[in-house]
Protein backbone atom coordinates (compact mmCIF):
# COMPACT_ATOMS: atom_id res chain seq x y z
CA MET A 1 13.63 46.75 -6.48
CA ASP A 2 11.78 47.76 -9.63
CA SER A 3 12.38 47.58 -13.37
CA GLU A 4 14.54 50.70 -13.33
CA ASP A 5 16.84 49.18 -10.69
CA TYR A 6 17.05 45.98 -12.75
CA LYS A 7 18.01 47.84 -15.93
CA LYS A 8 20.99 49.33 -14.12
CA ILE A 9 22.43 45.96 -13.07
CA ALA A 10 21.25 43.83 -16.03
CA PRO A 11 24.39 44.30 -18.18
CA SER A 12 26.63 42.97 -15.41
CA ILE A 13 24.64 39.84 -14.49
CA PRO A 14 26.58 36.75 -15.67
CA LYS A 15 25.09 33.96 -17.79
CA THR A 16 26.50 31.27 -15.49
CA PRO A 17 25.07 28.94 -12.84
CA GLY A 18 24.79 30.44 -9.40
CA VAL A 19 22.73 31.39 -6.37
CA TYR A 20 21.20 34.82 -5.88
CA GLN A 21 20.02 36.58 -2.73
CA TYR A 22 17.51 39.43 -2.51
CA LYS A 23 18.29 41.59 0.54
CA ASP A 24 16.44 44.43 2.24
CA ASP A 25 17.90 47.83 3.13
CA LYS A 26 19.33 46.40 6.37
CA GLY A 27 21.18 43.61 4.58
CA THR A 28 18.82 40.85 5.74
CA THR A 29 18.32 38.11 3.15
CA LEU A 30 14.70 38.00 1.98
CA TYR A 31 14.95 35.24 -0.61
CA VAL A 32 17.53 32.74 -1.87
CA GLY A 33 17.19 31.27 -5.34
CA LYS A 34 19.23 29.15 -7.73
CA ALA A 35 19.72 29.47 -11.47
CA LYS A 36 21.30 27.58 -14.33
CA ASN A 37 21.64 30.97 -16.04
CA LEU A 38 21.62 33.88 -13.56
CA LYS A 39 20.96 36.54 -16.20
CA ASN A 40 17.85 34.80 -17.58
CA ARG A 41 16.50 33.94 -14.14
CA ILE A 42 16.81 37.47 -12.74
CA ALA A 43 15.24 38.90 -15.92
CA SER A 44 12.14 36.77 -15.32
CA TYR A 45 11.38 38.79 -12.15
CA PHE A 46 11.04 41.97 -14.15
CA GLY A 47 9.25 40.72 -17.28
CA ASN A 48 5.50 40.31 -17.73
CA LYS A 49 4.02 41.32 -14.36
CA LYS A 50 0.85 39.31 -15.04
CA HIS A 51 2.84 36.11 -14.54
CA ILE A 52 4.47 37.23 -11.27
CA SER A 53 2.76 36.07 -8.08
CA GLY A 54 1.61 38.48 -5.39
CA LYS A 55 4.17 37.03 -2.97
CA THR A 56 7.00 37.70 -5.43
CA LYS A 57 5.79 41.27 -6.01
CA THR A 58 5.78 41.86 -2.25
CA MET A 59 9.29 40.45 -1.94
CA LEU A 60 10.56 42.70 -4.76
CA LYS A 61 8.90 45.70 -3.13
CA HIS A 62 10.96 45.16 0.04
CA ALA A 63 14.16 44.15 -1.77
CA HIS A 64 16.92 46.76 -1.79
CA SER A 65 19.85 44.87 -3.31
CA LEU A 66 20.77 41.68 -5.14
CA GLU A 67 23.88 39.54 -4.54
CA PHE A 68 25.24 36.51 -6.42
CA THR A 69 27.42 33.52 -5.63
CA LEU A 70 28.79 31.81 -8.73
CA VAL A 71 29.19 28.02 -8.94
CA GLU A 72 30.32 25.54 -11.57
CA THR A 73 27.11 23.62 -12.35
CA GLU A 74 23.35 23.73 -11.89
CA THR A 75 23.66 20.89 -9.38
CA ASP A 76 26.08 22.96 -7.31
CA ALA A 77 23.61 25.85 -7.39
CA LEU A 78 20.84 23.59 -6.11
CA LEU A 79 22.97 22.30 -3.25
CA LEU A 80 24.28 25.73 -2.23
CA GLU A 81 20.74 27.12 -2.32
CA SER A 82 19.62 24.45 0.12
CA THR A 83 22.58 25.14 2.42
CA LEU A 84 21.95 28.90 2.46
CA ILE A 85 18.23 28.51 3.09
CA LYS A 86 18.86 26.25 6.08
CA ASP A 87 21.45 28.68 7.44
CA LEU A 88 19.75 32.03 6.70
CA GLN A 89 16.05 31.04 6.98
CA PRO A 90 14.89 33.73 4.50
CA ARG A 91 11.37 35.05 4.97
CA TYR A 92 10.21 34.27 1.44
CA ASN A 93 11.63 30.73 1.25
CA VAL A 94 8.90 29.32 3.51
CA MET A 95 8.21 26.27 1.34
CA LEU A 96 11.90 25.32 1.29
CA LYS A 97 12.74 25.67 4.98
CA ASP A 98 11.58 22.21 5.98
CA GLY A 99 12.45 20.46 2.73
CA LYS A 100 14.04 17.03 2.63
CA SER A 101 17.80 16.64 2.70
CA TYR A 102 19.70 15.24 -0.25
CA VAL A 103 20.39 11.55 -0.67
CA TYR A 104 23.70 9.68 -0.44
CA ILE A 105 24.90 6.19 -1.25
CA CYS A 106 26.44 4.62 1.84
CA ILE A 107 28.95 1.75 1.90
CA LYS A 108 28.63 0.64 5.51
CA LYS A 109 31.73 0.05 7.62
CA GLU A 110 31.23 -3.63 8.56
CA ARG A 111 32.22 -7.12 7.48
CA PHE A 112 30.58 -7.78 4.12
CA PRO A 113 29.48 -4.13 3.73
CA ARG A 114 25.98 -3.27 2.64
CA VAL A 115 25.39 -0.61 -0.03
CA PHE A 116 22.22 1.44 0.38
CA LEU A 117 20.56 4.84 0.00
CA THR A 118 20.41 7.21 2.97
CA ARG A 119 19.62 10.83 3.82
CA ARG A 120 21.76 10.88 6.96
CA VAL A 121 25.55 11.09 7.06
CA ILE A 122 26.86 9.38 10.21
CA ARG A 123 30.55 9.75 11.00
CA ASP A 124 31.15 6.08 11.87
CA GLY A 125 33.83 5.32 9.30
CA SER A 126 31.38 4.39 6.56
CA THR A 127 31.99 5.69 3.05
CA TYR A 128 29.42 8.06 1.56
CA PHE A 129 29.01 9.15 -2.05
CA GLY A 130 26.93 12.17 -2.96
CA PRO A 131 24.93 14.18 -2.38
CA TYR A 132 22.60 13.41 -5.24
CA THR A 133 19.93 15.87 -6.30
CA SER A 134 17.76 13.18 -7.88
CA LYS A 135 16.61 10.12 -5.95
CA TYR A 136 15.44 8.65 -9.26
CA LYS A 137 19.02 8.59 -10.55
CA VAL A 138 20.25 7.04 -7.29
CA ASP A 139 17.67 4.28 -7.57
CA ILE A 140 18.87 3.53 -11.10
CA ILE A 141 22.52 3.45 -9.97
CA LEU A 142 21.72 1.13 -7.06
CA ASP A 143 19.68 -1.07 -9.37
CA LEU A 144 22.61 -1.19 -11.77
CA ILE A 145 24.99 -2.14 -8.95
CA LYS A 146 22.53 -4.81 -7.86
CA GLN A 147 22.54 -6.32 -11.35
CA LEU A 148 26.32 -6.27 -11.61
CA PHE A 149 27.20 -7.43 -8.10
CA LYS A 150 25.33 -9.70 -5.74
CA LEU A 151 25.42 -8.04 -2.32
CA ARG A 152 23.75 -8.81 0.96
CA THR A 153 20.86 -6.59 2.12
CA CYS A 154 20.30 -8.05 5.59
CA SER A 155 21.51 -6.38 8.79
CA LEU A 156 22.86 -9.56 10.39
CA ASN A 157 26.09 -9.39 12.38
CA LEU A 158 28.31 -11.41 10.06
CA SER A 159 31.23 -11.66 12.45
CA GLU A 160 33.75 -14.41 11.86
CA LYS A 161 32.66 -16.15 15.07
CA ASN A 162 28.96 -16.09 14.20
CA ILE A 163 29.61 -17.50 10.74
CA ASN A 164 31.92 -20.23 12.07
CA ASP A 165 29.29 -21.16 14.67
CA ASN A 166 26.75 -21.70 11.84
CA LYS A 167 24.26 -19.25 13.31
CA PHE A 168 22.73 -18.41 9.94
CA LYS A 169 20.91 -20.16 7.11
CA VAL A 170 20.49 -19.09 3.51
CA CYS A 171 17.47 -16.86 2.88
CA LEU A 172 15.18 -16.04 -0.01
CA GLU A 173 17.69 -13.54 -1.45
CA TYR A 174 20.09 -16.42 -2.08
CA HIS A 175 17.41 -18.57 -3.71
CA ILE A 176 16.37 -15.78 -6.09
CA LYS A 177 20.06 -15.21 -6.91
CA ASN A 178 20.42 -11.71 -5.39
CA CYS A 179 23.06 -12.77 -2.82
CA ASP A 180 25.89 -15.32 -2.79
CA ALA A 181 25.32 -16.10 0.90
CA PRO A 182 28.54 -15.05 2.65
CA CYS A 183 26.67 -15.80 5.90
CA VAL A 184 27.19 -19.55 5.29
CA LYS A 185 30.63 -19.30 3.69
CA TYR A 186 29.35 -19.68 0.12
CA GLU A 187 31.33 -16.50 -0.60
CA SER A 188 34.59 -15.46 1.05
CA GLU A 189 35.26 -12.05 2.58
CA GLU A 190 38.06 -11.47 0.03
CA GLU A 191 35.74 -12.11 -2.92
CA TYR A 192 33.07 -9.86 -1.41
CA ASN A 193 35.53 -7.00 -0.81
CA LEU A 194 36.71 -7.17 -4.41
CA LYS A 195 33.13 -6.37 -5.45
CA ILE A 196 32.99 -3.48 -2.95
CA LYS A 197 36.22 -2.09 -4.40
CA GLN A 198 34.74 -2.21 -7.89
CA ILE A 199 31.56 -0.47 -6.66
CA LYS A 200 33.64 2.34 -5.17
CA ASN A 201 35.36 2.77 -8.52
CA ILE A 202 31.98 3.02 -10.20
CA LEU A 203 30.72 5.65 -7.75
CA LYS A 204 33.95 7.64 -8.18
CA GLY A 205 33.37 7.69 -11.92
CA HIS A 206 36.03 5.11 -12.83
CA PHE A 207 33.70 2.80 -14.67
CA GLN A 208 35.43 1.94 -17.94
CA LEU A 209 35.53 -1.70 -16.91
CA VAL A 210 31.84 -1.55 -16.04
CA LYS A 211 31.05 -0.02 -19.43
CA SER A 212 32.90 -2.85 -21.14
CA PHE A 213 31.00 -5.37 -19.05
CA LEU A 214 27.63 -3.77 -19.90
CA LYS A 215 28.41 -3.70 -23.60
CA GLU A 216 29.33 -7.37 -23.51
CA GLU A 217 26.17 -8.15 -21.53
CA MET A 218 24.06 -6.19 -24.00
CA GLN A 219 25.61 -8.14 -26.86
CA VAL A 220 24.86 -11.42 -25.09
CA GLN A 221 21.22 -10.44 -24.46
CA ALA A 222 20.84 -9.31 -28.06
CA GLU A 223 22.21 -12.62 -29.38
CA ARG A 224 19.70 -14.38 -27.16
CA LEU A 225 16.99 -12.15 -28.68
CA ASN A 226 16.29 -10.60 -25.25
CA PHE A 227 15.95 -7.13 -26.76
CA GLU A 228 14.02 -5.66 -23.83
CA LYS A 229 16.79 -6.56 -21.38
CA ALA A 230 19.41 -5.23 -23.78
CA GLN A 231 17.53 -1.93 -24.14
CA ALA A 232 17.12 -1.65 -20.35
CA LEU A 233 20.86 -2.11 -19.87
CA LYS A 234 21.55 0.51 -22.53
CA GLU A 235 19.26 3.04 -20.81
CA LYS A 236 20.86 2.42 -17.43
CA LEU A 237 24.31 2.91 -18.96
CA THR A 238 23.25 6.23 -20.50
CA VAL A 239 21.87 7.52 -17.19
CA PHE A 240 24.98 6.34 -15.36
CA GLU A 241 27.33 8.11 -17.80
CA ASN A 242 25.41 11.38 -17.36
CA TYR A 243 25.54 11.15 -13.59
CA GLN A 244 27.72 13.53 -11.61
CA SER A 245 29.09 11.56 -8.71
CA LYS A 246 29.89 14.45 -6.39
CA SER A 247 29.66 18.21 -6.01
CA THR A 248 32.17 20.95 -5.28
CA VAL A 249 29.57 22.59 -3.03
CA VAL A 250 29.07 19.66 -0.68
CA SER A 251 31.53 16.81 -0.27
CA THR A 252 31.63 14.18 2.43
CA ASN A 253 35.36 13.78 1.76
CA ILE A 254 35.90 17.25 3.26
CA LYS A 255 35.03 18.08 6.85
CA ASP A 256 35.67 21.56 8.30
CA LEU A 257 37.98 24.00 6.59
CA ASP A 258 38.32 27.65 5.54
CA VAL A 259 39.08 28.77 1.99
CA PHE A 260 40.75 32.11 1.25
CA SER A 261 41.73 33.93 -1.93
CA ILE A 262 43.05 37.46 -2.50
CA LYS A 263 43.33 39.98 -5.33
CA LEU A 264 44.88 43.46 -5.38
CA GLU A 265 43.28 46.39 -7.19
CA GLU A 266 45.07 49.75 -6.97
CA GLN A 267 45.04 50.66 -3.25
CA ILE A 268 42.51 48.03 -2.16
CA ALA A 269 43.00 44.34 -1.37
CA PHE A 270 39.96 42.07 -1.76
CA VAL A 271 39.79 38.84 0.24
CA ASN A 272 37.18 36.15 -0.34
CA TYR A 273 36.36 33.71 2.44
CA LEU A 274 34.38 30.45 2.19
CA LYS A 275 33.49 28.76 5.46
CA ILE A 276 33.07 24.99 5.09
CA ILE A 277 31.32 22.93 7.78
CA ASP A 278 30.90 19.17 7.28
CA GLY A 279 31.75 19.63 3.62
CA ALA A 280 29.12 22.33 2.98
CA ILE A 281 29.59 26.02 2.24
CA ILE A 282 27.69 27.82 4.98
CA HIS A 283 29.11 31.30 4.49
CA ALA A 284 30.68 33.31 1.67
CA GLN A 285 32.16 36.75 2.33
CA THR A 286 34.32 39.19 0.37
CA SER A 287 36.08 41.87 2.42
CA GLU A 288 38.13 44.92 1.48
CA MET A 289 41.36 46.21 3.00
CA THR A 290 43.13 49.49 2.29
CA MET A 291 46.69 48.55 1.47
CA ASN A 292 48.39 51.81 2.50
CA LEU A 293 52.12 51.05 2.28
CA ASN A 294 51.87 47.27 2.28
CA HIS A 295 51.39 45.69 -1.15
CA ASP A 296 52.58 42.16 -0.39
CA LYS A 297 49.83 39.56 -1.04
CA LYS A 298 51.18 37.08 1.46
CA GLN A 299 51.40 39.58 4.31
CA LEU A 300 47.96 41.01 3.57
CA LEU A 301 46.30 37.59 3.47
CA ALA A 302 48.12 36.48 6.61
CA PHE A 303 46.80 39.61 8.31
CA ALA A 304 43.20 39.08 7.10
CA ILE A 305 42.84 35.36 7.89
CA PRO A 306 42.87 35.56 11.73
CA ILE A 307 40.49 38.53 11.66
CA LEU A 308 37.96 36.79 9.40
CA ARG A 309 38.21 33.50 11.31
CA LYS A 310 37.54 35.32 14.58
CA ARG A 311 34.71 37.37 13.07
CA PHE A 312 32.92 34.27 11.80
CA GLU A 313 33.91 32.10 14.78
CA SER A 314 35.72 29.50 12.72
CA MET A 315 37.18 26.50 14.55
CA ALA A 316 38.48 24.72 11.43
CA GLN A 317 41.96 23.23 11.79
CA GLU A 318 42.71 23.47 8.07
CA ILE A 319 42.77 26.39 5.65
CA VAL A 320 43.02 26.35 1.87
CA VAL A 321 44.99 29.20 0.26
CA PRO A 322 46.53 29.88 -3.16
CA PHE A 323 50.14 30.17 -1.89
CA GLU A 324 52.37 29.48 1.11
CA LEU A 325 51.79 31.59 4.23
CA LEU A 326 53.24 32.11 7.68
CA LEU A 327 50.46 32.32 10.26
CA PRO A 328 50.73 33.00 14.01
CA GLN A 329 48.58 29.91 14.70
CA LYS A 330 51.08 27.06 14.41
CA ASP A 331 48.47 24.33 14.87
CA ILE A 332 46.61 25.26 11.67
CA GLN A 333 47.18 23.03 8.64
CA ILE A 334 47.81 25.09 5.48
CA THR A 335 46.83 23.42 2.20
CA ILE A 336 47.75 24.69 -1.28
CA PRO A 337 45.78 22.31 -3.54
CA SER A 338 46.58 21.64 -7.17
CA ILE A 339 43.86 19.07 -7.91
CA GLY A 340 40.75 17.59 -6.30
CA ASP A 341 37.80 18.97 -4.36
CA LYS A 342 39.84 21.49 -2.39
CA LYS A 343 41.25 22.97 -5.61
CA LYS A 344 37.70 23.29 -6.93
CA LEU A 345 36.72 25.17 -3.77
CA LEU A 346 39.71 27.48 -4.16
CA ASP A 347 38.77 28.09 -7.82
CA LEU A 348 35.22 28.88 -6.72
CA SER A 349 36.51 31.38 -4.15
CA GLU A 350 38.65 33.12 -6.77
CA LYS A 351 35.76 33.17 -9.22
CA ASN A 352 33.50 34.90 -6.69
CA LEU A 353 36.31 37.32 -5.86
CA LYS A 354 36.65 38.38 -9.51
CA TYR A 355 32.91 38.82 -9.84
CA PHE A 356 32.69 40.91 -6.65
CA ILE A 357 35.40 43.26 -7.95
CA HIS A 358 33.65 43.53 -11.30
CA GLN A 359 30.36 44.40 -9.59
CA LYS A 360 32.03 47.00 -7.38
CA GLN A 361 33.71 48.67 -10.34
CA ARG A 362 30.43 48.74 -12.29
CA LYS A 363 28.56 50.30 -9.37
CA ALA A 364 31.27 52.92 -8.90
CA THR A 365 31.11 53.85 -12.57
CA GLU A 366 27.32 54.07 -12.49
CA TYR A 367 27.35 56.15 -9.32
CA ALA A 368 29.93 58.57 -10.70
CA SER A 369 27.96 58.89 -13.93
CA ARG A 370 24.70 59.42 -12.05
CA GLN A 371 26.22 61.96 -9.69
CA THR A 372 27.81 63.83 -12.58
CA SER A 373 24.49 63.94 -14.44
CA THR A 374 22.50 65.03 -11.38
CA GLU A 375 25.01 67.67 -10.39
CA ARG A 376 25.04 69.04 -13.93
CA ILE A 377 21.25 69.34 -14.09
CA LEU A 378 20.94 70.99 -10.68
CA THR A 379 23.82 73.36 -11.37
CA THR A 380 22.15 74.37 -14.65
CA LEU A 381 18.85 74.98 -12.83
CA GLN A 382 20.63 77.01 -10.16
CA LYS A 383 22.27 79.10 -12.85
CA ASP A 384 19.09 79.53 -14.95
CA LEU A 385 17.04 80.69 -11.96
CA GLY A 386 19.87 82.67 -10.41
CA ILE A 387 19.36 81.18 -6.95
CA LYS A 388 21.91 81.02 -4.15
CA ASP A 389 21.76 77.35 -3.10
CA LEU A 390 21.95 74.21 -5.22
CA PRO A 391 18.29 73.01 -5.45
CA THR A 392 18.77 69.43 -4.28
CA HIS A 393 15.31 69.54 -2.63
CA ILE A 394 12.43 70.81 -4.80
CA GLU A 395 8.68 70.84 -4.02
CA CYS A 396 5.87 71.55 -6.48
CA PHE A 397 2.19 72.36 -5.68
CA ASP A 398 -0.95 72.01 -7.82
CA ASN A 399 -4.74 72.35 -7.22
CA SER A 400 -7.56 70.30 -8.68
CA ASN A 401 -11.36 70.80 -8.65
CA ILE A 402 -14.35 70.77 -10.97
CA MET A 403 -16.66 73.76 -10.60
CA GLY A 404 -15.41 74.13 -7.06
CA THR A 405 -16.42 70.61 -5.99
CA ASN A 406 -14.11 68.40 -3.95
CA PRO A 407 -11.12 70.78 -4.03
CA VAL A 408 -7.78 69.07 -3.40
CA SER A 409 -4.11 69.95 -3.71
CA SER A 410 -0.92 67.99 -4.16
CA CYS A 411 2.69 68.46 -3.16
CA VAL A 412 5.33 66.40 -4.95
CA VAL A 413 8.94 66.26 -3.82
CA PHE A 414 12.09 65.89 -5.92
CA LYS A 415 15.43 65.10 -4.31
CA ASN A 416 18.63 65.17 -6.34
CA ALA A 417 16.57 65.73 -9.50
CA LYS A 418 14.55 62.51 -8.94
CA PRO A 419 11.00 62.03 -7.64
CA SER A 420 10.90 61.08 -3.96
CA LYS A 421 7.46 59.45 -4.00
CA LYS A 422 7.48 58.50 -0.34
CA ASP A 423 7.46 62.23 0.43
CA TYR A 424 4.48 63.08 -1.83
CA ARG A 425 1.46 64.53 0.02
CA HIS A 426 -2.27 64.96 -0.73
CA TYR A 427 -4.33 67.74 0.83
CA ASN A 428 -8.07 68.10 1.25
CA VAL A 429 -8.84 71.84 1.16
CA LYS A 430 -10.61 72.62 4.44
CA THR A 431 -11.24 76.38 4.70
CA VAL A 432 -12.21 77.30 1.11
CA GLU A 433 -15.69 77.13 -0.39
CA GLY A 434 -16.31 77.32 -4.11
CA PRO A 435 -13.79 77.52 -6.97
CA ASN A 436 -11.03 79.63 -5.41
CA ASP A 437 -7.61 78.37 -6.52
CA PHE A 438 -5.80 81.29 -4.89
CA ALA A 439 -7.22 80.67 -1.42
CA SER A 440 -6.70 76.91 -1.81
CA MET A 441 -3.04 77.41 -2.67
CA GLU A 442 -2.55 79.78 0.27
CA GLU A 443 -4.08 77.27 2.69
CA VAL A 444 -2.10 74.28 1.47
CA VAL A 445 1.28 76.02 1.30
CA TYR A 446 0.77 77.34 4.83
CA ARG A 447 -0.19 73.88 6.15
CA ARG A 448 2.77 72.22 4.44
CA TYR A 449 5.51 74.48 5.79
CA LYS A 450 3.89 75.08 9.16
CA ARG A 451 4.16 71.35 9.73
CA LEU A 452 7.75 71.13 8.47
CA LEU A 453 8.73 73.92 10.85
CA ASP A 454 6.88 72.36 13.79
CA GLU A 455 8.56 68.99 13.17
CA GLN A 456 11.94 70.64 12.51
CA GLN A 457 12.26 68.96 9.12
CA SER A 458 14.46 70.26 6.32
CA LEU A 459 13.00 72.87 3.95
CA PRO A 460 13.34 72.82 0.16
CA GLN A 461 15.72 75.13 -1.67
CA LEU A 462 13.11 75.67 -4.41
CA ILE A 463 9.28 75.80 -4.39
CA LEU A 464 7.39 75.58 -7.69
CA ILE A 465 3.78 76.80 -7.89
CA ASP A 466 1.72 75.59 -10.84
CA GLY A 467 -0.74 78.27 -11.98
CA GLY A 468 0.95 81.58 -12.65
CA LYS A 469 0.90 84.96 -10.88
CA GLY A 470 -2.30 84.53 -8.84
CA GLN A 471 -1.37 81.25 -7.22
CA LEU A 472 2.22 82.48 -6.75
CA SER A 473 1.02 85.54 -4.81
CA ALA A 474 -1.17 83.33 -2.59
CA ALA A 475 1.75 81.04 -1.82
CA VAL A 476 3.99 84.00 -1.06
CA ALA A 477 1.40 85.26 1.43
CA SER A 478 1.69 81.98 3.35
CA LEU A 479 5.48 82.10 3.35
CA LYS A 480 5.34 85.62 4.77
CA LYS A 481 3.05 84.47 7.58
CA LEU A 482 5.63 81.80 8.44
CA ASP A 483 8.59 84.20 8.08
CA LEU A 484 10.02 82.06 5.27
CA TYR A 485 9.74 84.56 2.45
CA GLY A 486 13.19 85.40 1.14
CA LYS A 487 14.71 82.32 2.80
CA VAL A 488 13.36 79.88 0.20
CA THR A 489 13.23 80.53 -3.55
CA ILE A 490 9.67 80.34 -4.90
CA VAL A 491 8.72 80.42 -8.60
CA GLY A 492 5.38 80.35 -10.39
CA ILE A 493 4.87 78.28 -13.58
CA ALA A 494 2.59 79.91 -16.16
CA LYS A 495 0.36 77.92 -18.50
CA ARG A 496 2.99 78.26 -21.14
CA LEU A 497 5.67 76.18 -19.51
CA GLU A 498 8.60 78.21 -20.75
CA GLU A 499 7.41 81.21 -18.68
CA LEU A 500 8.50 81.34 -15.05
CA TYR A 501 7.45 84.16 -12.69
CA PHE A 502 9.29 85.40 -9.63
CA PRO A 503 7.42 87.24 -6.84
CA GLY A 504 7.13 90.98 -7.52
CA GLU A 505 8.36 90.75 -11.12
CA SER A 506 6.00 91.35 -14.05
CA ILE A 507 8.35 90.10 -16.79
CA PRO A 508 8.61 86.32 -16.89
CA LEU A 509 11.84 84.35 -17.17
CA HIS A 510 12.22 82.30 -20.34
CA ILE A 511 14.42 79.19 -20.21
CA SER A 512 15.61 77.48 -23.38
CA LYS A 513 13.38 74.58 -24.36
CA LYS A 514 16.50 72.45 -24.80
CA SER A 515 17.71 73.11 -21.27
CA GLU A 516 17.88 70.16 -18.86
CA SER A 517 16.68 72.42 -16.07
CA LEU A 518 13.43 73.16 -17.96
CA LYS A 519 12.87 69.42 -18.42
CA LEU A 520 13.26 68.95 -14.66
CA ILE A 521 10.70 71.71 -13.97
CA GLN A 522 8.36 70.15 -16.52
CA HIS A 523 8.73 66.74 -14.87
CA ALA A 524 7.90 68.20 -11.44
CA ARG A 525 4.89 70.11 -12.80
CA ASN A 526 3.53 67.02 -14.60
CA GLU A 527 3.97 64.89 -11.49
CA SER A 528 2.10 67.37 -9.29
CA HIS A 529 -0.71 67.64 -11.83
CA ARG A 530 -1.02 63.84 -12.17
CA PHE A 531 -0.93 63.33 -8.42
CA ALA A 532 -3.62 65.96 -7.79
CA ILE A 533 -5.90 64.73 -10.60
CA ASN A 534 -5.76 61.10 -9.43
CA PHE A 535 -6.62 62.08 -5.86
CA HIS A 536 -9.42 64.35 -7.04
CA ARG A 537 -10.95 61.58 -9.18
CA LEU A 538 -10.88 59.18 -6.27
CA LYS A 539 -12.48 61.68 -3.94
CA ARG A 540 -15.10 62.70 -6.50
CA SER A 541 -16.06 59.08 -7.16
CA LYS A 542 -16.55 58.42 -3.46
CA ALA A 543 -18.54 61.63 -3.08
CA MET A 544 -20.85 60.81 -6.00
CA LEU A 545 -21.51 57.33 -4.66
CA HIS A 546 -22.18 58.66 -1.19
CA SER A 547 -24.58 61.36 -2.31
CA GLU A 548 -26.78 58.95 -4.24
CA LEU A 549 -27.07 55.93 -1.99
CA HIS A 550 -25.54 56.45 1.46
CA ASP A 551 -27.87 59.37 2.20
CA ILE A 552 -31.01 57.25 1.76
CA PRO A 553 -32.33 56.60 5.30
CA GLY A 554 -32.40 52.94 6.33
CA ILE A 555 -30.13 51.57 3.58
CA GLY A 556 -26.88 50.00 4.78
CA GLN A 557 -23.59 49.22 3.09
CA LYS A 558 -24.45 45.59 2.26
CA SER A 559 -27.67 46.60 0.53
CA ILE A 560 -25.78 49.24 -1.46
CA GLU A 561 -23.21 46.64 -2.54
CA LYS A 562 -25.97 44.23 -3.66
CA LEU A 563 -27.69 46.94 -5.70
CA LEU A 564 -24.50 48.08 -7.40
CA ALA A 565 -23.42 44.51 -8.11
CA HIS A 566 -26.78 43.75 -9.74
CA PHE A 567 -27.55 46.99 -11.59
CA GLY A 568 -24.04 48.30 -12.19
CA SER A 569 -24.59 52.00 -11.47
CA VAL A 570 -26.76 54.47 -9.56
CA LYS A 571 -28.28 55.64 -12.84
CA LYS A 572 -29.54 52.15 -13.68
CA ILE A 573 -30.88 51.72 -10.15
CA ARG A 574 -32.85 54.93 -10.58
CA GLU A 575 -34.23 53.76 -13.96
CA SER A 576 -35.42 50.39 -12.54
CA ASN A 577 -38.77 49.77 -10.83
CA LEU A 578 -40.04 48.53 -7.48
CA GLU A 579 -40.36 44.89 -8.57
CA GLU A 580 -36.76 44.73 -9.73
CA TRP A 581 -35.51 46.31 -6.50
CA GLU A 582 -37.51 43.81 -4.40
CA LYS A 583 -35.84 40.88 -6.14
CA VAL A 584 -32.44 42.16 -5.07
CA VAL A 585 -32.89 43.68 -1.58
CA GLY A 586 -36.43 42.76 -0.50
CA LYS A 587 -39.64 44.75 -0.01
CA ALA A 588 -38.51 46.92 2.93
CA ILE A 589 -35.40 48.34 1.25
CA ALA A 590 -37.16 48.54 -2.11
CA GLY A 591 -39.86 50.67 -0.48
CA LYS A 592 -37.25 53.11 0.84
CA LEU A 593 -35.65 53.32 -2.60
CA ASN A 594 -39.04 54.00 -4.15
CA ALA A 595 -39.79 56.75 -1.64
CA TYR A 596 -36.38 58.38 -2.23
CA PHE A 597 -36.39 58.28 -6.04
CA SER A 598 -40.08 59.32 -6.28
CA ASN A 599 -39.40 62.69 -4.64
């Protein structure tokens, strides 16, 4: 993708959080990224190129399309990005492939449960809260819980029998007042579980009672003139209030399920599918169905669900849909949520469905507009030149040389009124000596179409020759040799651009300067001229360097590089003396330079 491709899609990029995927022409994901504002993030790829890394430029060069998945918050975008990277393994996300997983707060399933941070979710009946995108925030929350509630941190088996048998003694945590020692019956299981219940309320976001407690504690510390402790409690409260306890993208409260939504547009039904595994979105897909005679949402969705589940090998026993359905699979649980995490997932599915339809409509409008514009220009050109076929394939030739040195030619190709740069070709003139543009044109045109014929490639409908009657006649001679004359329209462009010459006609054709077809011819002529000049300059530079230094016997490439790096040019090397040369390349090479330049 380049800046021109970006300009076409820029107006339709939303200013919402989401995840974007760059894909190649085969649909393979090259890169997955997240954004708080998709529009601003995508724009950064096509801004100042000096600030774009080489790796990013390479990725953009191979990118063919851009897709988005919209989410509710920046945190959701971060989590979905991680999920997609682990699932898709994009080529340009190397640094993220082996990244750490997100952290959770675990309330262990055991007598006198421990509360701790973990990166692993084990399905053993324990309660998990998260995931959290910031370990720093989790540490603050756990520290806050530790201040509010004294909990055990040991991994002892506090079974009723072990406690009654007096197998344990109080430890340092009890003496420093971090634990109330349930291991020796200083705290009952009922009292301990009341604290766990309150902690769960905190982690669910129900912390009004905690806020009241903190405010009272802050007041107490302030009255005691412990301002540092009061300020620390205030900061922890602020962080805790800003914390988002869970995400709609990943939720440990949800296991495996499929989410479906549907929307009808004219004769097409669009179905969005989110595949959820262990609470994480691992696949998002929007499919289209031609409605034909059936316009009933329920029947269409019931038809699509088994197909999509089979296609993506879903084994989920629960599906989330926006309305009641009758499915052939009787063992599948159908959920129509109105609140909670599942409703958020359904809303997310519908949001992506609306955006997909919007993108499709925009692309259709752009394509129709582009096709209409292209067809109009080519039809005008066909009419202006009076040719039989619509010139969807145009080729333009130009020569370049200076006083007959380093003669080269170029062939540029336009398809559907746009440059097809991958088809551009350079030619070194092989059989012509001296400044002979006519012979050069004859050689190059012959080589070009001889090869196309040999390889059975398609021929252009229109050939443009830059240079007027002489070059046109030379090109015609080559077409006659190949038995192509009369089968392909060929036109010569005089120095005055508004004059076009046809073979065998002395009176030129004049096209209106305001005509779109003339602008297309001008574009092709300018491209061929630029392409030939650039190639000629490159060849001439190499030739000049070779003639001055590479022809000196006994001087190798490394010595030449040292001399040019030190002196800057062949002219300055020539103007220097033996002593200066010796300092750079030694006596032996300096002697050869002296012998060469003294002649």
